């Protein structure tokens, strides 16, 4: 199963944002889980059932209370709260390598 990483930047320390995090988790797809956290940041892994904008739609209200967020897809696509002005989105796009296409075979 493919997964999407959601990284959320918190406005306050993690211990003071438990209600907002619980509300966000209640809106996430089944089998989503917390995978990392810091003082003001938390990361989730969510099953990828759809394209990133469609995955963000049901979470929009829950995400609006956070400082910033990033959805990072399996192939390197990034969807950020600040759109294309986000430095992480620009950096990942810069280093994403397109897939290698197979060589054409010579005809006998």
C-alpha atoms as a PDB file:
ATOM      1  CA  UNK A   1       0.000   0.000   0.000  1.00  0.00           C
ATOM      2  CA  UNK A   2       1.275   3.471  -0.842  1.00  0.00           C
ATOM      3  CA  UNK A   3       1.388   6.101   1.870  1.00  0.00           C
ATOM      4  CA  UNK A   4       1.426   9.876   2.127  1.00  0.00           C
ATOM      5  CA  UNK A   5       3.360  11.737   4.806  1.00  0.00           C
ATOM      6  CA  UNK A   6       1.603  14.653   6.481  1.00  0.00           C
ATOM      7  CA  UNK A   7       3.836  16.965   8.513  1.00  0.00           C
ATOM      8  CA  UNK A   8       2.095  19.579  10.659  1.00  0.00           C
ATOM      9  CA  UNK A   9       3.780  22.598  12.255  1.00  0.00           C
ATOM     10  CA  UNK A  10       2.117  23.546  15.541  1.00  0.00           C
ATOM     11  CA  UNK A  11       1.534  27.082  16.832  1.00  0.00           C
ATOM     12  CA  UNK A  12       2.304  26.013  20.415  1.00  0.00           C
ATOM     13  CA  UNK A  13       4.117  23.150  22.093  1.00  0.00           C
ATOM     14  CA  UNK A  14       2.761  19.670  21.423  1.00  0.00           C
ATOM     15  CA  UNK A  15       1.415  19.245  24.942  1.00  0.00           C
ATOM     16  CA  UNK A  16      -0.925  22.222  24.486  1.00  0.00           C
ATOM     17  CA  UNK A  17      -2.336  21.096  21.109  1.00  0.00           C
ATOM     18  CA  UNK A  18      -3.781  17.700  22.024  1.00  0.00           C
ATOM     19  CA  UNK A  19      -7.396  18.679  21.236  1.00  0.00           C
ATOM     20  CA  UNK A  20      -6.497  19.978  17.764  1.00  0.00           C
ATOM     21  CA  UNK A  21      -4.427  16.856  17.027  1.00  0.00           C
ATOM     22  CA  UNK A  22      -7.239  14.562  18.189  1.00  0.00           C
ATOM     23  CA  UNK A  23      -9.707  16.420  15.937  1.00  0.00           C
ATOM     24  CA  UNK A  24      -7.330  16.107  12.975  1.00  0.00           C
ATOM     25  CA  UNK A  25      -6.860  12.384  13.599  1.00  0.00           C
ATOM     26  CA  UNK A  26     -10.621  11.864  13.740  1.00  0.00           C
ATOM     27  CA  UNK A  27     -10.874  13.260  10.190  1.00  0.00           C
ATOM     28  CA  UNK A  28      -7.991  11.171   8.779  1.00  0.00           C
ATOM     29  CA  UNK A  29      -8.524   7.961   6.795  1.00  0.00           C
ATOM     30  CA  UNK A  30      -8.510   4.614   8.604  1.00  0.00           C
ATOM     31  CA  UNK A  31      -5.059   3.192   9.390  1.00  0.00           C
ATOM     32  CA  UNK A  32      -3.443   6.640   9.639  1.00  0.00           C
ATOM     33  CA  UNK A  33      -0.944   6.923  12.444  1.00  0.00           C
ATOM     34  CA  UNK A  34       1.471   9.297  14.157  1.00  0.00           C
ATOM     35  CA  UNK A  35       5.012   8.439  13.171  1.00  0.00           C
ATOM     36  CA  UNK A  36       7.155  11.263  14.579  1.00  0.00           C
ATOM     37  CA  UNK A  37       6.950  14.386  16.689  1.00  0.00           C
ATOM     38  CA  UNK A  38       8.987  17.236  18.037  1.00  0.00           C
ATOM     39  CA  UNK A  39       8.242  20.153  20.343  1.00  0.00           C
ATOM     40  CA  UNK A  40       6.241  22.014  17.666  1.00  0.00           C
ATOM     41  CA  UNK A  41       5.880  19.500  14.861  1.00  0.00           C
ATOM     42  CA  UNK A  42       4.101  16.189  14.333  1.00  0.00           C
ATOM     43  CA  UNK A  43       4.146  13.758  11.425  1.00  0.00           C
ATOM     44  CA  UNK A  44       1.543  11.272  10.253  1.00  0.00           C
ATOM     45  CA  UNK A  45       1.543   8.458   7.732  1.00  0.00           C
ATOM     46  CA  UNK A  46      -1.726   8.060   5.820  1.00  0.00           C
ATOM     47  CA  UNK A  47      -2.755   5.471   3.226  1.00  0.00           C
ATOM     48  CA  UNK A  48      -2.748   7.062  -0.223  1.00  0.00           C
ATOM     49  CA  UNK A  49      -6.186   6.488  -1.703  1.00  0.00           C
ATOM     50  CA  UNK A  50      -6.302   9.540  -3.916  1.00  0.00           C
ATOM     51  CA  UNK A  51      -4.336  12.464  -5.326  1.00  0.00           C
ATOM     52  CA  UNK A  52      -3.054  14.987  -2.771  1.00  0.00           C
ATOM     53  CA  UNK A  53      -5.647  17.777  -3.297  1.00  0.00           C
ATOM     54  CA  UNK A  54      -8.458  15.237  -2.873  1.00  0.00           C
ATOM     55  CA  UNK A  55      -6.825  13.914   0.305  1.00  0.00           C
ATOM     56  CA  UNK A  56      -6.549  17.421   1.743  1.00  0.00           C
ATOM     57  CA  UNK A  57     -10.214  18.342   1.144  1.00  0.00           C
ATOM     58  CA  UNK A  58     -11.788  16.421   4.063  1.00  0.00           C
ATOM     59  CA  UNK A  59      -8.992  17.585   6.392  1.00  0.00           C
ATOM     60  CA  UNK A  60      -9.139  21.273   5.439  1.00  0.00           C
ATOM     61  CA  UNK A  61     -11.093  22.479   8.502  1.00  0.00           C
ATOM     62  CA  UNK A  62      -8.965  20.441  10.897  1.00  0.00           C
ATOM     63  CA  UNK A  63      -5.729  21.686   9.300  1.00  0.00           C
ATOM     64  CA  UNK A  64      -6.684  25.373   9.284  1.00  0.00           C
ATOM     65  CA  UNK A  65      -5.820  25.802  12.989  1.00  0.00           C
ATOM     66  CA  UNK A  66      -2.181  24.788  12.462  1.00  0.00           C
ATOM     67  CA  UNK A  67       0.717  27.079  11.545  1.00  0.00           C
ATOM     68  CA  UNK A  68       1.710  25.139   8.434  1.00  0.00           C
ATOM     69  CA  UNK A  69       1.412  21.669   6.926  1.00  0.00           C
ATOM     70  CA  UNK A  70       2.908  19.611   4.129  1.00  0.00           C
ATOM     71  CA  UNK A  71       1.527  16.561   2.327  1.00  0.00           C
ATOM     72  CA  UNK A  72       4.401  14.639   0.754  1.00  0.00           C
ATOM     73  CA  UNK A  73       3.444  11.949  -1.753  1.00  0.00           C
ATOM     74  CA  UNK A  74       5.356   8.800  -2.622  1.00  0.00           C
ATOM     75  CA  UNK A  75       6.704  10.192  -5.882  1.00  0.00           C
ATOM     76  CA  UNK A  76       7.900  13.454  -4.311  1.00  0.00           C
ATOM     77  CA  UNK A  77       4.918  15.696  -4.997  1.00  0.00           C
ATOM     78  CA  UNK A  78       4.280  18.241  -2.242  1.00  0.00           C
ATOM     79  CA  UNK A  79       1.113  20.059  -1.279  1.00  0.00           C
ATOM     80  CA  UNK A  80       1.696  22.788   1.306  1.00  0.00           C
ATOM     81  CA  UNK A  81      -0.496  25.286   3.130  1.00  0.00           C
ATOM     82  CA  UNK A  82       1.466  28.104   1.525  1.00  0.00           C
ATOM     83  CA  UNK A  83       1.313  26.580  -1.949  1.00  0.00           C
ATOM     84  CA  UNK A  84       4.192  27.093  -4.349  1.00  0.00           C
ATOM     85  CA  UNK A  85       5.712  29.776  -2.090  1.00  0.00           C
ATOM     86  CA  UNK A  86       6.735  27.092   0.396  1.00  0.00           C
ATOM     87  CA  UNK A  87      10.520  26.474   0.475  1.00  0.00           C
ATOM     88  CA  UNK A  88      10.166  22.715   1.178  1.00  0.00           C
ATOM     89  CA  UNK A  89       7.919  22.262  -1.854  1.00  0.00           C
ATOM     90  CA  UNK A  90      10.418  24.146  -4.035  1.00  0.00           C
ATOM     91  CA  UNK A  91      13.397  22.164  -2.735  1.00  0.00           C
ATOM     92  CA  UNK A  92      11.759  18.775  -3.255  1.00  0.00           C
ATOM     93  CA  UNK A  93      10.615  19.762  -6.745  1.00  0.00           C
ATOM     94  CA  UNK A  94      14.180  20.809  -7.589  1.00  0.00           C
ATOM     95  CA  UNK A  95      15.643  17.417  -6.638  1.00  0.00           C
ATOM     96  CA  UNK A  96      12.893  15.152  -7.961  1.00  0.00           C
ATOM     97  CA  UNK A  97      14.278  12.967 -10.700  1.00  0.00           C
ATOM     98  CA  UNK A  98      11.868  12.008 -13.471  1.00  0.00           C
ATOM     99  CA  UNK A  99      11.451   8.264 -14.088  1.00  0.00           C
ATOM    100  CA  UNK A 100      13.790   6.638 -16.595  1.00  0.00           C
ATOM    101  CA  UNK A 101      12.040   5.544 -19.730  1.00  0.00           C
ATOM    102  CA  UNK A 102      12.941   2.273 -21.365  1.00  0.00           C
ATOM    103  CA  UNK A 103      15.093   2.290 -24.457  1.00  0.00           C
ATOM    104  CA  UNK A 104      13.483   1.646 -27.782  1.00  0.00           C
ATOM    105  CA  UNK A 105      14.408  -1.719 -29.191  1.00  0.00           C
ATOM    106  CA  UNK A 106      15.942  -2.005 -32.609  1.00  0.00           C
ATOM    107  CA  UNK A 107      13.752  -3.678 -35.191  1.00  0.00           C
ATOM    108  CA  UNK A 108      15.240  -6.807 -36.780  1.00  0.00           C
END
